Amino acid sequence: MESALKSGYYLAGFFSYEAGYQFEDSLRENKTYEFPLIYLGVYKAPLCRGIEPKRQSLDGSLKELRLNITQDKYSANIQEIRRYIEKGDVYQITYCIKLLFQFAGDPFSLYHTLFREQPVPYPAYIDTGLFQILSLSPEMFIKKIAGSAVTKPMKGTWQRGSWLAADLTNRWNFQYDEKNRAENVMIADLLRNDLGRVGVKIRAPKLFEVAKYRKLFQMTSTVTGRIDRDISIYGLFSALFPSGSVTGAPKIRAMGIIRGLELEERKIYTGAIGYISPDRDMFFNIPIRTILINQGLAEMGIGGGIVWDSTAQGEWEEGLLKARFLTDFGANFRVPCALPRR
């Protein structure tokens, strides 16, 4: 990567979540991963053009939507996380499960249809020839321009109201909800600490911002700092990756607990997708609301920040809410769906 940048090339692609274990001695394992830890293309220059799917309507079908965990097992894991918190091991854990389904058809058509139905600020589509990544992400990981760095951790989710007055009320209740604000500021503090490992003048100019999407509200904060414009890619990612918003706090202990609790590797989910220019400017999202399709088998991670006040039922329902952009879409196409509905 460093050699390519020094030669004037651009890099674009992704880091999987499990790449984060390799930046920490206590978490590194001597093993081979089936899914790439880092997958980046090397390019002479960006190409800007509009790309349309083969068909404007969905070309394909979604079948057998299901979760990779029972609600009883999920509840047991939430209680175990609360015990870790009670003992003082961690303050928060971002715990993830997966939505699994079968997809037949054109993945880019599915991506285009979902993006049209649920616009987001940081979308990405990657086709490696072996698998496809459809990222409808609302969360920024890192934006670096020269010596200026910005990260926008997202923590907190709330359902939108079904009419204007209810929507305004829900937004107000969400913005001043103590649990969501506590989760959010905890992760903002973690990001300030991580960015401070490689930067100076660390600030949090905006806290508890509420972003509005078609089905839900989400809360973000903004953390900024000044870093060496020529910082090495390894140095930057070893300080920041993966984002604390997808691990919990303290980060290293949280990642160890996550590896013991979660049933499968996250792969692209909660990693990073983006690009780096030859002058080391970069932009990466955090691939949440992101679908991985591999030869007709598809998966999408669903995560939530667990704190002492969390309840298993509340977190379960929040996870279903986050997945609604896909499960409601599937229901509209008469897709058999085993997920409970509120």
C-alpha atoms as a PDB file:
ATOM      1  CA  MET A   1       0.000   0.000   0.000  1.00  0.00           C
ATOM      2  CA  GLU A   2       2.753   2.456   0.941  1.00  0.00           C
ATOM      3  CA  SER A   3       4.682   1.615  -2.213  1.00  0.00           C
ATOM      4  CA  ALA A   4       1.633   2.180  -4.414  1.00  0.00           C
ATOM      5  CA  LEU A   5       0.866   5.556  -2.817  1.00  0.00           C
ATOM      6  CA  LYS A   6       4.484   6.707  -3.179  1.00  0.00           C
ATOM      7  CA  SER A   7       4.298   5.750  -6.867  1.00  0.00           C
ATOM      8  CA  GLY A   8       1.289   8.035  -7.347  1.00  0.00           C
ATOM      9  CA  TYR A   9      -1.487   5.451  -7.358  1.00  0.00           C
ATOM     10  CA  TYR A  10      -4.882   5.523  -5.665  1.00  0.00           C
ATOM     11  CA  LEU A  11      -6.157   2.746  -3.393  1.00  0.00           C
ATOM     12  CA  ALA A  12      -9.806   1.773  -3.004  1.00  0.00           C
ATOM     13  CA  GLY A  13     -11.467  -1.168  -1.314  1.00  0.00           C
ATOM     14  CA  PHE A  14     -12.072  -2.412   2.213  1.00  0.00           C
ATOM     15  CA  PHE A  15     -10.742  -3.606   5.551  1.00  0.00           C
ATOM     16  CA  SER A  16     -12.725  -6.391   7.200  1.00  0.00           C
ATOM     17  CA  TYR A  17     -13.502  -6.158  10.928  1.00  0.00           C
ATOM     18  CA  GLU A  18     -11.142  -9.050  11.708  1.00  0.00           C
ATOM     19  CA  ALA A  19      -8.226  -7.016  10.331  1.00  0.00           C
ATOM     20  CA  GLY A  20      -8.516  -5.069  13.576  1.00  0.00           C
ATOM     21  CA  TYR A  21      -7.234  -8.063  15.556  1.00  0.00           C
ATOM     22  CA  GLN A  22      -3.942  -7.848  13.663  1.00  0.00           C
ATOM     23  CA  PHE A  23      -3.216  -4.351  15.001  1.00  0.00           C
ATOM     24  CA  GLU A  24      -3.175  -5.544  18.618  1.00  0.00           C
ATOM     25  CA  ASP A  25      -0.666  -8.098  19.925  1.00  0.00           C
ATOM     26  CA  SER A  26      -3.019  -9.433  22.598  1.00  0.00           C
ATOM     27  CA  LEU A  27      -5.733 -10.178  20.021  1.00  0.00           C
ATOM     28  CA  ARG A  28      -3.666 -11.440  17.093  1.00  0.00           C
ATOM     29  CA  GLU A  29      -4.165 -15.082  16.142  1.00  0.00           C
ATOM     30  CA  ASN A  30      -2.049 -17.320  13.949  1.00  0.00           C
ATOM     31  CA  LYS A  31      -4.827 -18.429  11.634  1.00  0.00           C
ATOM     32  CA  THR A  32      -5.998 -18.184   8.050  1.00  0.00           C
ATOM     33  CA  TYR A  33      -9.207 -16.307   7.352  1.00  0.00           C
ATOM     34  CA  GLU A  34     -11.472 -17.360   4.494  1.00  0.00           C
ATOM     35  CA  PHE A  35     -12.666 -13.786   3.983  1.00  0.00           C
ATOM     36  CA  PRO A  36     -10.005 -11.198   3.046  1.00  0.00           C
ATOM     37  CA  LEU A  37      -8.723  -9.049   5.905  1.00  0.00           C
ATOM     38  CA  ILE A  38      -7.692  -6.283   3.494  1.00  0.00           C
ATOM     39  CA  TYR A  39      -8.870  -6.036  -0.121  1.00  0.00           C
ATOM     40  CA  LEU A  40      -7.727  -2.962  -2.048  1.00  0.00           C
ATOM     41  CA  GLY A  41      -7.422  -2.194  -5.730  1.00  0.00           C
ATOM     42  CA  VAL A  42      -4.604  -0.034  -7.109  1.00  0.00           C
ATOM     43  CA  TYR A  43      -5.676   2.604  -9.645  1.00  0.00           C
ATOM     44  CA  LYS A  44      -4.052   5.276 -11.786  1.00  0.00           C
ATOM     45  CA  ALA A  45      -6.930   7.696 -11.201  1.00  0.00           C
ATOM     46  CA  PRO A  46     -10.555   7.804 -10.069  1.00  0.00           C
ATOM     47  CA  LEU A  47     -13.191   7.366 -12.763  1.00  0.00           C
ATOM     48  CA  CYS A  48     -16.336   9.428 -12.288  1.00  0.00           C
ATOM     49  CA  ARG A  49     -19.384   8.254 -14.181  1.00  0.00           C
ATOM     50  CA  GLY A  50     -22.984   7.305 -13.642  1.00  0.00           C
ATOM     51  CA  ILE A  51     -23.733   3.586 -13.475  1.00  0.00           C
ATOM     52  CA  GLU A  52     -27.247   2.253 -13.933  1.00  0.00           C
ATOM     53  CA  PRO A  53     -28.432  -1.292 -13.214  1.00  0.00           C
ATOM     54  CA  LYS A  54     -29.458  -3.552 -16.054  1.00  0.00           C
ATOM     55  CA  ARG A  55     -33.058  -3.029 -14.973  1.00  0.00           C
ATOM     56  CA  GLN A  56     -34.613  -0.157 -13.019  1.00  0.00           C
ATOM     57  CA  SER A  57     -36.814  -2.576 -11.050  1.00  0.00           C
ATOM     58  CA  LEU A  58     -35.430  -5.318  -8.821  1.00  0.00           C
ATOM     59  CA  ASP A  59     -33.939  -8.134 -10.852  1.00  0.00           C
ATOM     60  CA  GLY A  60     -33.880 -10.969  -8.338  1.00  0.00           C
ATOM     61  CA  SER A  61     -35.493 -12.533  -5.300  1.00  0.00           C
ATOM     62  CA  LEU A  62     -34.843 -12.731  -1.566  1.00  0.00           C
ATOM     63  CA  LYS A  63     -35.764 -15.958   0.192  1.00  0.00           C
ATOM     64  CA  GLU A  64     -35.586 -17.571   3.618  1.00  0.00           C
ATOM     65  CA  LEU A  65     -34.730 -14.511   5.704  1.00  0.00           C
ATOM     66  CA  ARG A  66     -33.695 -15.685   9.157  1.00  0.00           C
ATOM     67  CA  LEU A  67     -31.468 -14.712  12.065  1.00  0.00           C
ATOM     68  CA  ASN A  68     -28.378 -16.703  13.006  1.00  0.00           C
ATOM     69  CA  ILE A  69     -29.459 -16.855  16.657  1.00  0.00           C
ATOM     70  CA  THR A  70     -32.568 -17.608  18.691  1.00  0.00           C
ATOM     71  CA  GLN A  71     -34.069 -14.918  20.886  1.00  0.00           C
ATOM     72  CA  ASP A  72     -33.388 -17.047  23.981  1.00  0.00           C
ATOM     73  CA  LYS A  73     -29.682 -17.376  23.141  1.00  0.00           C
ATOM     74  CA  TYR A  74     -29.547 -13.666  22.323  1.00  0.00           C
ATOM     75  CA  SER A  75     -31.068 -12.828  25.711  1.00  0.00           C
ATOM     76  CA  ALA A  76     -28.550 -15.067  27.482  1.00  0.00           C
ATOM     77  CA  ASN A  77     -25.676 -13.276  25.734  1.00  0.00           C
ATOM     78  CA  ILE A  78     -27.046  -9.868  26.710  1.00  0.00           C
ATOM     79  CA  GLN A  79     -27.150 -10.983  30.333  1.00  0.00           C
ATOM     80  CA  GLU A  80     -23.565 -12.223  30.069  1.00  0.00           C
ATOM     81  CA  ILE A  81     -22.493  -8.821  28.705  1.00  0.00           C
ATOM     82  CA  ARG A  82     -24.256  -7.130  31.624  1.00  0.00           C
ATOM     83  CA  ARG A  83     -22.257  -9.338  33.992  1.00  0.00           C
ATOM     84  CA  TYR A  84     -19.022  -8.160  32.343  1.00  0.00           C
ATOM     85  CA  ILE A  85     -20.206  -4.592  32.870  1.00  0.00           C
ATOM     86  CA  GLU A  86     -21.150  -5.289  36.478  1.00  0.00           C
ATOM     87  CA  LYS A  87     -17.646  -6.645  37.157  1.00  0.00           C
ATOM     88  CA  GLY A  88     -16.104  -3.517  35.634  1.00  0.00           C
ATOM     89  CA  ASP A  89     -14.459  -5.289  32.676  1.00  0.00           C
ATOM     90  CA  VAL A  90     -16.168  -2.979  30.169  1.00  0.00           C
ATOM     91  CA  TYR A  91     -18.572  -0.057  30.070  1.00  0.00           C
ATOM     92  CA  GLN A  92     -20.212  -0.979  26.792  1.00  0.00           C
ATOM     93  CA  ILE A  93     -20.155  -3.797  24.229  1.00  0.00           C
ATOM     94  CA  THR A  94     -21.357  -3.507  20.638  1.00  0.00           C
ATOM     95  CA  TYR A  95     -22.869  -6.941  20.174  1.00  0.00           C
ATOM     96  CA  CYS A  96     -23.752  -8.170  16.684  1.00  0.00           C
ATOM     97  CA  ILE A  97     -25.896 -10.892  15.157  1.00  0.00           C
ATOM     98  CA  LYS A  98     -26.606 -11.662  11.492  1.00  0.00           C
ATOM     99  CA  LEU A  99     -29.563 -11.721   9.166  1.00  0.00           C
ATOM    100  CA  LEU A 100     -29.146 -14.538   6.650  1.00  0.00           C
ATOM    101  CA  PHE A 101     -31.003 -15.094   3.379  1.00  0.00           C
ATOM    102  CA  GLN A 102     -30.712 -16.419  -0.142  1.00  0.00           C
ATOM    103  CA  PHE A 103     -30.500 -14.081  -3.105  1.00  0.00           C
ATOM    104  CA  ALA A 104     -30.945 -14.966  -6.770  1.00  0.00           C
ATOM    105  CA  GLY A 105     -30.436 -12.270  -9.379  1.00  0.00           C
ATOM    106  CA  ASP A 106     -28.319  -9.199 -10.049  1.00  0.00           C
ATOM    107  CA  PRO A 107     -26.691  -7.886  -6.813  1.00  0.00           C
ATOM    108  CA  PHE A 108     -26.222  -4.398  -8.258  1.00  0.00           C
ATOM    109  CA  SER A 109     -29.941  -4.240  -9.042  1.00  0.00           C
ATOM    110  CA  LEU A 110     -30.666  -5.045  -5.368  1.00  0.00           C
ATOM    111  CA  TYR A 111     -28.170  -2.397  -4.240  1.00  0.00           C
ATOM    112  CA  HIS A 112     -29.657   0.232  -6.552  1.00  0.00           C
ATOM    113  CA  THR A 113     -33.218  -0.571  -5.443  1.00  0.00           C
ATOM    114  CA  LEU A 114     -32.357  -0.439  -1.725  1.00  0.00           C
ATOM    115  CA  PHE A 115     -30.437   2.817  -2.126  1.00  0.00           C
ATOM    116  CA  ARG A 116     -33.326   4.377  -4.011  1.00  0.00           C
ATOM    117  CA  GLU A 117     -35.706   3.356  -1.207  1.00  0.00           C
ATOM    118  CA  GLN A 118     -33.348   4.317   1.639  1.00  0.00           C
ATOM    119  CA  PRO A 119     -30.829   7.015   0.613  1.00  0.00           C
ATOM    120  CA  VAL A 120     -27.760   7.211   2.873  1.00  0.00           C
ATOM    121  CA  PRO A 121     -24.714   9.509   2.855  1.00  0.00           C
ATOM    122  CA  TYR A 122     -21.927   6.905   2.504  1.00  0.00           C
ATOM    123  CA  PRO A 123     -23.025   4.118   0.131  1.00  0.00           C
ATOM    124  CA  ALA A 124     -20.643   1.739  -1.656  1.00  0.00           C
ATOM    125  CA  TYR A 125     -20.889  -1.190  -4.049  1.00  0.00           C
ATOM    126  CA  ILE A 126     -18.005  -3.620  -4.555  1.00  0.00           C
ATOM    127  CA  ASP A 127     -17.941  -6.583  -6.942  1.00  0.00           C
ATOM    128  CA  THR A 128     -14.778  -8.680  -6.695  1.00  0.00           C
ATOM    129  CA  GLY A 129     -15.983 -11.341  -9.101  1.00  0.00           C
ATOM    130  CA  LEU A 130     -16.175 -13.798  -6.201  1.00  0.00           C
ATOM    131  CA  PHE A 131     -18.513 -11.873  -3.909  1.00  0.00           C
ATOM    132  CA  GLN A 132     -20.436  -8.603  -3.813  1.00  0.00           C
ATOM    133  CA  ILE A 133     -20.699  -6.002  -1.053  1.00  0.00           C
ATOM    134  CA  LEU A 134     -23.767  -3.741  -0.937  1.00  0.00           C
ATOM    135  CA  SER A 135     -23.184  -1.034   1.660  1.00  0.00           C
ATOM    136  CA  LEU A 136     -26.005   1.345   2.599  1.00  0.00           C
ATOM    137  CA  SER A 137     -24.020   2.969   5.373  1.00  0.00           C
ATOM    138  CA  PRO A 138     -24.991   6.121   7.265  1.00  0.00           C
ATOM    139  CA  GLU A 139     -21.766   6.171   9.324  1.00  0.00           C
ATOM    140  CA  MET A 140     -18.415   7.796   8.587  1.00  0.00           C
ATOM    141  CA  PHE A 141     -15.256   6.168   9.900  1.00  0.00           C
ATOM    142  CA  ILE A 142     -12.511   8.627   8.945  1.00  0.00           C
ATOM    143  CA  LYS A 143     -12.117  11.599   6.640  1.00  0.00           C
ATOM    144  CA  LYS A 144      -8.580  12.946   6.263  1.00  0.00           C
ATOM    145  CA  ILE A 145      -7.633  15.966   4.196  1.00  0.00           C
ATOM    146  CA  ALA A 146      -3.979  16.985   4.518  1.00  0.00           C
ATOM    147  CA  GLY A 147      -3.421  17.255   8.294  1.00  0.00           C
ATOM    148  CA  SER A 148      -7.087  17.455   9.281  1.00  0.00           C
ATOM    149  CA  ALA A 149      -8.960  14.348  10.474  1.00  0.00           C
ATOM    150  CA  VAL A 150     -12.667  13.931  11.215  1.00  0.00           C
ATOM    151  CA  THR A 151     -14.534  10.915  12.544  1.00  0.00           C
ATOM    152  CA  LYS A 152     -18.262  10.689  13.275  1.00  0.00           C
ATOM    153  CA  PRO A 153     -19.124   7.809  15.600  1.00  0.00           C
ATOM    154  CA  MET A 154     -22.774   6.742  15.491  1.00  0.00           C
ATOM    155  CA  LYS A 155     -24.455   5.387  18.615  1.00  0.00           C
ATOM    156  CA  GLY A 156     -28.179   5.422  19.330  1.00  0.00           C
ATOM    157  CA  THR A 157     -31.262   4.425  17.334  1.00  0.00           C
ATOM    158  CA  TRP A 158     -34.913   5.455  17.650  1.00  0.00           C
ATOM    159  CA  GLN A 159     -38.018   4.689  15.627  1.00  0.00           C
ATOM    160  CA  ARG A 160     -39.584   7.519  13.632  1.00  0.00           C
ATOM    161  CA  GLY A 161     -43.193   8.532  14.170  1.00  0.00           C
ATOM    162  CA  SER A 162     -45.838   7.612  11.636  1.00  0.00           C
ATOM    163  CA  TRP A 163     -47.204  11.195  11.403  1.00  0.00           C
ATOM    164  CA  LEU A 164     -45.646  14.636  11.800  1.00  0.00           C
ATOM    165  CA  ALA A 165     -46.466  15.301  15.463  1.00  0.00           C
ATOM    166  CA  ALA A 166     -45.364  11.827  16.515  1.00  0.00           C
ATOM    167  CA  ASP A 167     -42.193  12.177  14.449  1.00  0.00           C
ATOM    168  CA  LEU A 168     -41.274  15.471  16.124  1.00  0.00           C
ATOM    169  CA  THR A 169     -42.019  13.995  19.545  1.00  0.00           C
ATOM    170  CA  ASN A 170     -39.916  10.907  18.854  1.00  0.00           C
ATOM    171  CA  ARG A 171     -37.014  13.036  17.678  1.00  0.00           C
ATOM    172  CA  TRP A 172     -37.145  15.168  20.838  1.00  0.00           C
ATOM    173  CA  ASN A 173     -37.424  12.110  23.103  1.00  0.00           C
ATOM    174  CA  PHE A 174     -34.500  10.486  21.321  1.00  0.00           C
ATOM    175  CA  GLN A 175     -32.191  13.497  21.445  1.00  0.00           C
ATOM    176  CA  TYR A 176     -32.634  13.852  25.212  1.00  0.00           C
ATOM    177  CA  ASP A 177     -32.871  10.162  26.108  1.00  0.00           C
ATOM    178  CA  GLU A 178     -30.336   9.514  28.884  1.00  0.00           C
ATOM    179  CA  LYS A 179     -29.430   5.981  27.804  1.00  0.00           C
ATOM    180  CA  ASN A 180     -28.698   6.928  24.191  1.00  0.00           C
ATOM    181  CA  ARG A 181     -26.768  10.053  25.191  1.00  0.00           C
ATOM    182  CA  ALA A 182     -24.694   8.005  27.650  1.00  0.00           C
ATOM    183  CA  GLU A 183     -23.878   5.447  24.931  1.00  0.00           C
ATOM    184  CA  ASN A 184     -23.027   8.167  22.460  1.00  0.00           C
ATOM    185  CA  VAL A 185     -20.747  10.251  24.667  1.00  0.00           C
ATOM    186  CA  MET A 186     -18.960   7.117  25.891  1.00  0.00           C
ATOM    187  CA  ILE A 187     -17.972   6.246  22.324  1.00  0.00           C
ATOM    188  CA  ALA A 188     -17.163   9.859  21.449  1.00  0.00           C
ATOM    189  CA  ASP A 189     -14.720   9.866  24.386  1.00  0.00           C
ATOM    190  CA  LEU A 190     -13.184   6.625  23.105  1.00  0.00           C
ATOM    191  CA  LEU A 191     -12.716   8.146  19.628  1.00  0.00           C
ATOM    192  CA  ARG A 192     -11.139  11.250  21.161  1.00  0.00           C
ATOM    193  CA  ASN A 193      -8.680   8.992  22.972  1.00  0.00           C
ATOM    194  CA  ASP A 194      -7.917   6.931  19.834  1.00  0.00           C
ATOM    195  CA  LEU A 195      -7.414   9.992  17.638  1.00  0.00           C
ATOM    196  CA  GLY A 196      -5.271  11.519  20.380  1.00  0.00           C
ATOM    197  CA  ARG A 197      -2.816   8.619  20.010  1.00  0.00           C
ATOM    198  CA  VAL A 198      -1.726  10.028  16.637  1.00  0.00           C
ATOM    199  CA  GLY A 199      -2.998  13.609  16.713  1.00  0.00           C
ATOM    200  CA  VAL A 200      -3.229  16.868  18.611  1.00  0.00           C
ATOM    201  CA  LYS A 201      -5.887  19.534  19.174  1.00  0.00           C
ATOM    202  CA  ILE A 202      -8.538  16.854  19.604  1.00  0.00           C
ATOM    203  CA  ARG A 203     -12.025  18.342  19.804  1.00  0.00           C
ATOM    204  CA  ALA A 204     -15.626  17.169  19.860  1.00  0.00           C
ATOM    205  CA  PRO A 205     -17.368  20.180  18.269  1.00  0.00           C
ATOM    206  CA  LYS A 206     -20.738  18.416  17.948  1.00  0.00           C
ATOM    207  CA  LEU A 207     -22.382  15.935  20.301  1.00  0.00           C
ATOM    208  CA  PHE A 208     -25.749  14.176  20.089  1.00  0.00           C
ATOM    209  CA  GLU A 209     -26.554  15.113  16.492  1.00  0.00           C
ATOM    210  CA  VAL A 210     -29.722  13.391  15.276  1.00  0.00           C
ATOM    211  CA  ALA A 211     -29.750  12.160  11.666  1.00  0.00           C
ATOM    212  CA  LYS A 212     -33.104  11.411  10.057  1.00  0.00           C
ATOM    213  CA  TYR A 213     -33.680   8.428   7.775  1.00  0.00           C
ATOM    214  CA  ARG A 214     -36.890   7.065   6.323  1.00  0.00           C
ATOM    215  CA  LYS A 215     -37.553   4.529   9.064  1.00  0.00           C
ATOM    216  CA  LEU A 216     -35.453   5.663  12.011  1.00  0.00           C
ATOM    217  CA  PHE A 217     -33.381   8.331  13.725  1.00  0.00           C
ATOM    218  CA  GLN A 218     -29.715   7.783  14.603  1.00  0.00           C
ATOM    219  CA  MET A 219     -27.396   9.764  16.856  1.00  0.00           C
ATOM    220  CA  THR A 220     -23.863  10.794  15.928  1.00  0.00           C
ATOM    221  CA  SER A 221     -21.114  12.976  17.361  1.00  0.00           C
ATOM    222  CA  THR A 222     -18.176  14.613  15.612  1.00  0.00           C
ATOM    223  CA  VAL A 223     -14.550  14.276  16.731  1.00  0.00           C
ATOM    224  CA  THR A 224     -11.760  16.244  15.014  1.00  0.00           C
ATOM    225  CA  GLY A 225      -7.998  16.553  15.297  1.00  0.00           C
ATOM    226  CA  ARG A 226      -4.753  17.513  13.596  1.00  0.00           C
ATOM    227  CA  ILE A 227      -2.466  14.709  12.459  1.00  0.00           C
ATOM    228  CA  ASP A 228       0.712  14.414  10.420  1.00  0.00           C
ATOM    229  CA  ARG A 229      -0.384  14.735   6.803  1.00  0.00           C
ATOM    230  CA  ASP A 230       2.159  12.024   5.874  1.00  0.00           C
ATOM    231  CA  ILE A 231       1.209   9.592   8.646  1.00  0.00           C
ATOM    232  CA  SER A 232       1.683   5.951   7.660  1.00  0.00           C
ATOM    233  CA  ILE A 233      -1.434   3.961   6.844  1.00  0.00           C
ATOM    234  CA  TYR A 234      -0.423   1.355   9.416  1.00  0.00           C
ATOM    235  CA  GLY A 235       0.080   4.011  12.065  1.00  0.00           C
ATOM    236  CA  LEU A 236      -3.313   5.581  11.469  1.00  0.00           C
ATOM    237  CA  PHE A 237      -5.282   2.339  11.294  1.00  0.00           C
ATOM    238  CA  SER A 238      -3.532   0.770  14.281  1.00  0.00           C
ATOM    239  CA  ALA A 239      -4.693   3.757  16.348  1.00  0.00           C
ATOM    240  CA  LEU A 240      -8.266   3.978  15.084  1.00  0.00           C
ATOM    241  CA  PHE A 241      -9.382   0.689  13.525  1.00  0.00           C
ATOM    242  CA  PRO A 242     -11.908  -0.707  14.097  1.00  0.00           C
ATOM    243  CA  SER A 243     -13.958   2.244  15.226  1.00  0.00           C
ATOM    244  CA  GLY A 244     -14.888   2.257  18.887  1.00  0.00           C
ATOM    245  CA  SER A 245     -18.513   2.695  17.822  1.00  0.00           C
ATOM    246  CA  VAL A 246     -18.547  -0.947  16.662  1.00  0.00           C
ATOM    247  CA  THR A 247     -16.597  -2.464  19.561  1.00  0.00           C
ATOM    248  CA  GLY A 248     -17.427  -0.795  22.866  1.00  0.00           C
ATOM    249  CA  ALA A 249     -15.189   0.515  25.610  1.00  0.00           C
ATOM    250  CA  PRO A 250     -12.472  -0.120  26.615  1.00  0.00           C
ATOM    251  CA  LYS A 251     -11.852  -1.202  23.031  1.00  0.00           C
ATOM    252  CA  ILE A 252      -9.310  -4.027  23.423  1.00  0.00           C
ATOM    253  CA  ARG A 253     -11.187  -5.787  26.214  1.00  0.00           C
ATOM    254  CA  ALA A 254     -14.456  -5.303  24.348  1.00  0.00           C
ATOM    255  CA  MET A 255     -13.031  -6.892  21.201  1.00  0.00           C
ATOM    256  CA  GLY A 256     -11.896  -9.924  23.183  1.00  0.00           C
ATOM    257  CA  ILE A 257     -15.367 -10.376  24.678  1.00  0.00           C
ATOM    258  CA  ILE A 258     -16.993  -9.917  21.276  1.00  0.00           C
ATOM    259  CA  ARG A 259     -14.865 -12.680  19.765  1.00  0.00           C
ATOM    260  CA  GLY A 260     -15.998 -15.050  22.490  1.00  0.00           C
ATOM    261  CA  LEU A 261     -19.714 -14.216  22.234  1.00  0.00           C
ATOM    262  CA  GLU A 262     -20.473 -13.720  18.574  1.00  0.00           C
ATOM    263  CA  LEU A 263     -21.225 -16.871  16.599  1.00  0.00           C
ATOM    264  CA  GLU A 264     -19.493 -15.916  13.354  1.00  0.00           C
ATOM    265  CA  GLU A 265     -16.800 -13.621  12.012  1.00  0.00           C
ATOM    266  CA  ARG A 266     -18.176 -10.197  11.072  1.00  0.00           C
ATOM    267  CA  LYS A 267     -16.197 -10.029   7.798  1.00  0.00           C
ATOM    268  CA  ILE A 268     -17.002  -6.774   5.978  1.00  0.00           C
ATOM    269  CA  TYR A 269     -19.597  -5.752   8.581  1.00  0.00           C
ATOM    270  CA  THR A 270     -18.237  -2.945  10.828  1.00  0.00           C
ATOM    271  CA  GLY A 271     -14.929  -2.866   8.971  1.00  0.00           C
ATOM    272  CA  ALA A 272     -14.179   0.050   6.624  1.00  0.00           C
ATOM    273  CA  ILE A 273     -14.830   0.802   2.937  1.00  0.00           C
ATOM    274  CA  GLY A 274     -13.175   3.690   1.156  1.00  0.00           C
ATOM    275  CA  TYR A 275     -10.211   5.115  -0.708  1.00  0.00           C
ATOM    276  CA  ILE A 276      -6.784   6.687  -0.199  1.00  0.00           C
ATOM    277  CA  SER A 277      -5.285   9.170  -2.654  1.00  0.00           C
ATOM    278  CA  PRO A 278      -1.558   9.505  -3.449  1.00  0.00           C
ATOM    279  CA  ASP A 279      -1.326  12.601  -1.213  1.00  0.00           C
ATOM    280  CA  ARG A 280      -2.797  10.451   1.617  1.00  0.00           C
ATOM    281  CA  ASP A 281      -6.187  12.083   1.734  1.00  0.00           C
ATOM    282  CA  MET A 282      -8.754   9.424   2.504  1.00  0.00           C
ATOM    283  CA  PHE A 283     -12.384   8.703   3.210  1.00  0.00           C
ATOM    284  CA  PHE A 284     -13.783   5.498   4.731  1.00  0.00           C
ATOM    285  CA  ASN A 285     -17.260   4.587   5.874  1.00  0.00           C
ATOM    286  CA  ILE A 286     -18.174   1.991   8.499  1.00  0.00           C
ATOM    287  CA  PRO A 287     -20.107  -0.715   6.647  1.00  0.00           C
ATOM    288  CA  ILE A 288     -23.244  -1.094   8.711  1.00  0.00           C
ATOM    289  CA  ARG A 289     -26.493  -1.884   6.891  1.00  0.00           C
ATOM    290  CA  THR A 290     -24.209  -3.760   4.567  1.00  0.00           C
ATOM    291  CA  ILE A 291     -25.014  -6.966   2.684  1.00  0.00           C
ATOM    292  CA  LEU A 292     -22.414  -9.529   1.656  1.00  0.00           C
ATOM    293  CA  ILE A 293     -23.476 -11.874  -1.166  1.00  0.00           C
ATOM    294  CA  ASN A 294     -21.375 -14.911  -1.982  1.00  0.00           C
ATOM    295  CA  GLN A 295     -22.716 -17.248  -4.673  1.00  0.00           C
ATOM    296  CA  GLY A 296     -26.336 -16.670  -3.737  1.00  0.00           C
ATOM    297  CA  LEU A 297     -25.837 -16.833   0.035  1.00  0.00           C
ATOM    298  CA  ALA A 298     -26.264 -13.447   1.703  1.00  0.00           C
ATOM    299  CA  GLU A 299     -25.695 -12.022   5.169  1.00  0.00           C
ATOM    300  CA  MET A 300     -26.117  -8.673   6.898  1.00  0.00           C
ATOM    301  CA  GLY A 301     -24.838  -7.818  10.354  1.00  0.00           C
ATOM    302  CA  ILE A 302     -27.083  -6.145  12.934  1.00  0.00           C
ATOM    303  CA  GLY A 303     -25.490  -4.581  16.000  1.00  0.00           C
ATOM    304  CA  GLY A 304     -26.329  -2.611  19.101  1.00  0.00           C
ATOM    305  CA  GLY A 305     -24.460  -0.970  21.961  1.00  0.00           C
ATOM    306  CA  ILE A 306     -25.114  -2.820  25.212  1.00  0.00           C
ATOM    307  CA  VAL A 307     -24.762  -0.865  28.471  1.00  0.00           C
ATOM    308  CA  TRP A 308     -25.865  -1.639  32.028  1.00  0.00           C
ATOM    309  CA  ASP A 309     -29.342  -0.189  31.421  1.00  0.00           C
ATOM    310  CA  SER A 310     -29.915  -2.330  28.319  1.00  0.00           C
ATOM    311  CA  THR A 311     -32.602  -4.992  28.301  1.00  0.00           C
ATOM    312  CA  ALA A 312     -32.539  -8.062  26.091  1.00  0.00           C
ATOM    313  CA  GLN A 313     -36.022  -7.336  24.725  1.00  0.00           C
ATOM    314  CA  GLY A 314     -35.249  -3.693  24.024  1.00  0.00           C
ATOM    315  CA  GLU A 315     -32.004  -4.516  22.193  1.00  0.00           C
ATOM    316  CA  TRP A 316     -33.716  -7.296  20.225  1.00  0.00           C
ATOM    317  CA  GLU A 317     -36.411  -4.898  19.062  1.00  0.00           C
ATOM    318  CA  GLU A 318     -33.822  -2.232  18.195  1.00  0.00           C
ATOM    319  CA  GLY A 319     -31.977  -4.771  16.049  1.00  0.00           C
ATOM    320  CA  LEU A 320     -35.169  -5.635  14.171  1.00  0.00           C
ATOM    321  CA  LEU A 321     -35.782  -1.914  13.666  1.00  0.00           C
ATOM    322  CA  LYS A 322     -32.331  -1.470  12.119  1.00  0.00           C
ATOM    323  CA  ALA A 323     -32.995  -4.358   9.731  1.00  0.00           C
ATOM    324  CA  ARG A 324     -36.368  -3.061   8.591  1.00  0.00           C
ATOM    325  CA  PHE A 325     -34.973  -1.314   5.524  1.00  0.00           C
ATOM    326  CA  LEU A 326     -34.324  -4.844   4.205  1.00  0.00           C
ATOM    327  CA  THR A 327     -37.002  -6.950   5.923  1.00  0.00           C
ATOM    328  CA  ASP A 328     -39.834  -4.544   5.057  1.00  0.00           C
ATOM    329  CA  PHE A 329     -38.502  -4.388   1.534  1.00  0.00           C
ATOM    330  CA  GLY A 330     -38.518  -8.182   1.413  1.00  0.00           C
ATOM    331  CA  ALA A 331     -42.082  -8.306   2.715  1.00  0.00           C
ATOM    332  CA  ASN A 332     -43.183  -5.941  -0.052  1.00  0.00           C
ATOM    333  CA  PHE A 333     -41.944  -8.524  -2.520  1.00  0.00           C
ATOM    334  CA  ARG A 334     -43.748 -11.349  -0.697  1.00  0.00           C
ATOM    335  CA  VAL A 335     -40.547 -12.829   0.604  1.00  0.00           C
ATOM    336  CA  PRO A 336     -40.973 -15.585   3.190  1.00  0.00           C
ATOM    337  CA  CYS A 337     -39.664 -14.073   6.395  1.00  0.00           C
ATOM    338  CA  ALA A 338     -39.176 -15.817   9.718  1.00  0.00           C
ATOM    339  CA  LEU A 339     -38.473 -12.603  11.654  1.00  0.00           C
ATOM    340  CA  PRO A 340     -41.010 -11.493  14.261  1.00  0.00           C
ATOM    341  CA  ARG A 341     -42.773  -8.217  13.560  1.00  0.00           C
ATOM    342  CA  ARG A 342     -43.626  -5.563  16.117  1.00  0.00           C
END
